[in-house]
Amino acid sequence: MPHMVRKQIYLTRELDQYIHVLAQKQDKPEAEVIRDLLERGIKRQGPMSTGEALLGLATLGEALGMAGPTDLSERHDDYLYDENT
């Protein structure tokens, strides 16, 4: 079994009832039904491009208050290879 991470989410009553009924029909725990539904939904979105992934990381960094240097586009070699930077 893959490593599991615990998440807490809020559902509408309708979604909760839907998941409950599906779990009973499929004779599975509700958590497994939720994981299956999430996996199918994510797979339908299709693969994420490299650009989308990088933009997502940049947006996440900004949201966490982790702004990078303002001169990165001009001094990228310095930041990558200079040990004193």
N, C-alpha and C. Protein backbone atom coordinates (compact mmCIF):
# COMPACT_ATOMS: atom_id res chain seq x y z
N MET A 1 0.85 -1.18 0.00
CA MET A 1 0.00 0.00 0.00
C MET A 1 0.89 1.24 0.00
N PRO A 2 0.58 2.23 -0.85
CA PRO A 2 1.40 3.45 -0.88
C PRO A 2 1.28 4.23 0.42
N HIS A 3 2.27 5.08 0.67
CA HIS A 3 2.26 5.93 1.85
C HIS A 3 1.05 6.86 1.79
N MET A 4 0.31 6.95 2.86
CA MET A 4 -0.90 7.78 2.91
C MET A 4 -0.64 9.04 3.70
N VAL A 5 -1.26 10.13 3.28
CA VAL A 5 -1.20 11.41 3.96
C VAL A 5 -2.61 11.77 4.39
N ARG A 6 -2.76 12.15 5.63
CA ARG A 6 -4.09 12.49 6.16
C ARG A 6 -4.44 13.92 5.76
N LYS A 7 -5.66 14.11 5.26
CA LYS A 7 -6.19 15.42 4.88
C LYS A 7 -7.57 15.57 5.52
N GLN A 8 -7.89 16.79 5.89
CA GLN A 8 -9.23 17.06 6.40
C GLN A 8 -9.92 17.98 5.40
N ILE A 9 -11.11 17.59 4.96
CA ILE A 9 -11.85 18.39 3.99
C ILE A 9 -13.29 18.55 4.47
N TYR A 10 -13.94 19.56 3.93
CA TYR A 10 -15.36 19.78 4.22
C TYR A 10 -16.15 19.43 2.97
N LEU A 11 -17.23 18.68 3.15
CA LEU A 11 -18.09 18.27 2.05
C LEU A 11 -19.50 18.81 2.27
N THR A 12 -20.19 19.01 1.18
CA THR A 12 -21.61 19.33 1.30
C THR A 12 -22.34 18.07 1.76
N ARG A 13 -23.54 18.23 2.28
CA ARG A 13 -24.32 17.06 2.71
C ARG A 13 -24.59 16.14 1.52
N GLU A 14 -24.82 16.75 0.36
CA GLU A 14 -25.12 15.95 -0.84
C GLU A 14 -23.93 15.08 -1.22
N LEU A 15 -22.72 15.66 -1.19
CA LEU A 15 -21.53 14.87 -1.51
C LEU A 15 -21.32 13.77 -0.47
N ASP A 16 -21.51 14.11 0.79
CA ASP A 16 -21.35 13.12 1.84
C ASP A 16 -22.30 11.94 1.65
N GLN A 17 -23.55 12.24 1.32
CA GLN A 17 -24.54 11.18 1.09
C GLN A 17 -24.17 10.35 -0.13
N TYR A 18 -23.73 11.03 -1.19
CA TYR A 18 -23.33 10.34 -2.42
C TYR A 18 -22.19 9.37 -2.13
N ILE A 19 -21.17 9.81 -1.40
CA ILE A 19 -20.03 8.97 -1.08
C ILE A 19 -20.47 7.81 -0.18
N HIS A 20 -21.33 8.08 0.76
CA HIS A 20 -21.84 7.04 1.66
C HIS A 20 -22.56 5.95 0.87
N VAL A 21 -23.43 6.35 -0.05
CA VAL A 21 -24.17 5.39 -0.86
C VAL A 21 -23.23 4.59 -1.74
N LEU A 22 -22.27 5.28 -2.39
CA LEU A 22 -21.30 4.57 -3.24
C LEU A 22 -20.51 3.55 -2.43
N ALA A 23 -20.08 3.94 -1.25
CA ALA A 23 -19.29 3.04 -0.41
C ALA A 23 -20.10 1.79 -0.07
N GLN A 24 -21.37 1.98 0.23
CA GLN A 24 -22.22 0.82 0.54
C GLN A 24 -22.40 -0.06 -0.69
N LYS A 25 -22.67 0.57 -1.84
CA LYS A 25 -22.88 -0.20 -3.07
C LYS A 25 -21.64 -0.97 -3.48
N GLN A 26 -20.47 -0.36 -3.29
CA GLN A 26 -19.22 -0.98 -3.71
C GLN A 26 -18.58 -1.82 -2.60
N ASP A 27 -19.19 -1.80 -1.42
CA ASP A 27 -18.67 -2.51 -0.26
C ASP A 27 -17.21 -2.12 0.01
N LYS A 28 -16.98 -0.80 0.05
CA LYS A 28 -15.65 -0.24 0.30
C LYS A 28 -15.76 0.80 1.40
N PRO A 29 -14.66 1.09 2.06
CA PRO A 29 -14.66 2.21 3.00
C PRO A 29 -14.84 3.54 2.25
N GLU A 30 -15.45 4.50 2.90
CA GLU A 30 -15.67 5.80 2.26
C GLU A 30 -14.36 6.45 1.82
N ALA A 31 -13.29 6.29 2.61
CA ALA A 31 -12.00 6.87 2.25
C ALA A 31 -11.50 6.33 0.91
N GLU A 32 -11.70 5.05 0.68
CA GLU A 32 -11.26 4.45 -0.58
C GLU A 32 -12.09 4.98 -1.75
N VAL A 33 -13.38 5.16 -1.53
CA VAL A 33 -14.25 5.71 -2.58
C VAL A 33 -13.80 7.13 -2.92
N ILE A 34 -13.49 7.93 -1.91
CA ILE A 34 -13.04 9.30 -2.14
C ILE A 34 -11.73 9.30 -2.92
N ARG A 35 -10.78 8.43 -2.53
CA ARG A 35 -9.50 8.36 -3.27
C ARG A 35 -9.73 7.97 -4.72
N ASP A 36 -10.60 6.99 -4.96
CA ASP A 36 -10.90 6.55 -6.33
C ASP A 36 -11.48 7.70 -7.16
N LEU A 37 -12.42 8.43 -6.57
CA LEU A 37 -13.05 9.54 -7.28
C LEU A 37 -12.04 10.64 -7.58
N LEU A 38 -11.16 10.94 -6.63
CA LEU A 38 -10.13 11.96 -6.86
C LEU A 38 -9.18 11.53 -7.97
N GLU A 39 -8.75 10.28 -7.93
CA GLU A 39 -7.83 9.78 -8.95
C GLU A 39 -8.44 9.88 -10.35
N ARG A 40 -9.69 9.46 -10.47
CA ARG A 40 -10.35 9.52 -11.78
C ARG A 40 -10.49 10.97 -12.26
N GLY A 41 -10.84 11.86 -11.35
CA GLY A 41 -10.98 13.27 -11.71
C GLY A 41 -9.67 13.88 -12.14
N ILE A 42 -8.60 13.55 -11.44
CA ILE A 42 -7.28 14.10 -11.77
C ILE A 42 -6.80 13.54 -13.10
N LYS A 43 -7.03 12.25 -13.33
CA LYS A 43 -6.59 11.65 -14.60
C LYS A 43 -7.34 12.26 -15.79
N ARG A 44 -8.59 12.65 -15.58
CA ARG A 44 -9.36 13.28 -16.66
C ARG A 44 -8.82 14.65 -17.03
N GLN A 45 -8.12 15.30 -16.10
CA GLN A 45 -7.55 16.62 -16.37
C GLN A 45 -6.42 16.53 -17.39
N GLY A 46 -5.81 15.37 -17.51
CA GLY A 46 -4.70 15.19 -18.43
C GLY A 46 -3.39 15.59 -17.77
N PRO A 47 -2.28 15.30 -18.46
CA PRO A 47 -0.98 15.60 -17.88
C PRO A 47 -0.74 17.11 -17.78
N MET A 48 0.03 17.49 -16.77
CA MET A 48 0.36 18.89 -16.58
C MET A 48 1.64 19.19 -17.35
N SER A 49 1.65 20.29 -18.08
CA SER A 49 2.85 20.67 -18.82
C SER A 49 3.92 21.17 -17.85
N THR A 50 5.16 21.20 -18.32
CA THR A 50 6.25 21.70 -17.50
C THR A 50 6.01 23.16 -17.12
N GLY A 51 5.50 23.95 -18.06
CA GLY A 51 5.21 25.35 -17.78
C GLY A 51 4.16 25.50 -16.70
N GLU A 52 3.11 24.69 -16.75
CA GLU A 52 2.07 24.74 -15.73
C GLU A 52 2.63 24.36 -14.36
N ALA A 53 3.50 23.35 -14.34
CA ALA A 53 4.10 22.93 -13.08
C ALA A 53 4.97 24.03 -12.49
N LEU A 54 5.79 24.67 -13.33
CA LEU A 54 6.65 25.76 -12.85
C LEU A 54 5.84 26.95 -12.38
N LEU A 55 4.79 27.28 -13.11
CA LEU A 55 3.93 28.39 -12.70
C LEU A 55 3.26 28.07 -11.37
N GLY A 56 2.84 26.84 -11.20
CA GLY A 56 2.25 26.42 -9.93
C GLY A 56 3.23 26.55 -8.78
N LEU A 57 4.50 26.16 -9.00
CA LEU A 57 5.51 26.30 -7.96
C LEU A 57 5.77 27.77 -7.64
N ALA A 58 5.83 28.61 -8.67
CA ALA A 58 6.06 30.04 -8.44
C ALA A 58 4.91 30.64 -7.65
N THR A 59 3.69 30.29 -8.02
CA THR A 59 2.51 30.79 -7.32
C THR A 59 2.51 30.31 -5.87
N LEU A 60 2.89 29.07 -5.65
CA LEU A 60 2.96 28.54 -4.30
C LEU A 60 4.00 29.30 -3.49
N GLY A 61 5.16 29.56 -4.10
CA GLY A 61 6.22 30.31 -3.41
C GLY A 61 5.75 31.70 -3.01
N GLU A 62 5.05 32.37 -3.90
CA GLU A 62 4.53 33.70 -3.59
C GLU A 62 3.53 33.63 -2.44
N ALA A 63 2.65 32.63 -2.47
CA ALA A 63 1.64 32.49 -1.43
C ALA A 63 2.27 32.23 -0.07
N LEU A 64 3.44 31.59 -0.07
CA LEU A 64 4.13 31.30 1.18
C LEU A 64 5.09 32.41 1.58
N GLY A 65 5.10 33.50 0.80
CA GLY A 65 5.99 34.62 1.11
C GLY A 65 7.44 34.35 0.79
N MET A 66 7.68 33.49 -0.19
CA MET A 66 9.04 33.12 -0.55
C MET A 66 9.41 33.76 -1.88
N ALA A 67 9.51 35.07 -1.90
CA ALA A 67 9.86 35.77 -3.14
C ALA A 67 11.33 35.56 -3.46
N GLY A 68 11.65 35.36 -4.71
CA GLY A 68 13.02 35.17 -5.14
C GLY A 68 13.67 36.50 -5.46
N PRO A 69 14.93 36.47 -5.89
CA PRO A 69 15.62 37.71 -6.24
C PRO A 69 14.96 38.40 -7.43
N THR A 70 14.95 39.71 -7.43
CA THR A 70 14.31 40.46 -8.51
C THR A 70 15.16 40.52 -9.77
N ASP A 71 16.46 40.19 -9.67
CA ASP A 71 17.34 40.24 -10.83
C ASP A 71 17.70 38.85 -11.36
N LEU A 72 16.86 37.88 -11.07
CA LEU A 72 17.16 36.49 -11.43
C LEU A 72 17.34 36.30 -12.93
N SER A 73 16.52 36.96 -13.75
CA SER A 73 16.63 36.75 -15.20
C SER A 73 17.95 37.29 -15.74
N GLU A 74 18.53 38.29 -15.10
CA GLU A 74 19.80 38.85 -15.58
C GLU A 74 21.00 38.13 -14.98
N ARG A 75 20.87 37.62 -13.77
CA ARG A 75 22.02 37.05 -13.07
C ARG A 75 21.86 35.55 -12.79
N HIS A 76 21.11 34.85 -13.61
CA HIS A 76 20.85 33.43 -13.34
C HIS A 76 22.12 32.62 -13.24
N ASP A 77 23.14 32.89 -14.08
CA ASP A 77 24.39 32.14 -14.00
C ASP A 77 25.08 32.37 -12.66
N ASP A 78 25.05 33.62 -12.19
CA ASP A 78 25.65 33.91 -10.88
C ASP A 78 24.97 33.09 -9.79
N TYR A 79 23.64 33.07 -9.81
CA TYR A 79 22.91 32.34 -8.78
C TYR A 79 23.10 30.83 -8.90
N LEU A 80 23.27 30.34 -10.10
CA LEU A 80 23.44 28.90 -10.29
C LEU A 80 24.86 28.42 -9.98
N TYR A 81 25.88 29.21 -10.38
CA TYR A 81 27.25 28.69 -10.36
C TYR A 81 28.19 29.42 -9.40
N ASP A 82 27.86 30.60 -8.95
CA ASP A 82 28.73 31.36 -8.07
C ASP A 82 28.49 30.93 -6.63
N GLU A 83 29.53 30.44 -6.00
CA GLU A 83 29.39 29.95 -4.63
C GLU A 83 29.19 31.09 -3.63
N ASN A 84 29.53 32.32 -3.98
CA ASN A 84 29.43 33.45 -3.05
C ASN A 84 28.12 34.17 -3.13
N THR A 85 27.23 33.76 -4.01
CA THR A 85 25.95 34.46 -4.18
C THR A 85 24.90 33.86 -3.30
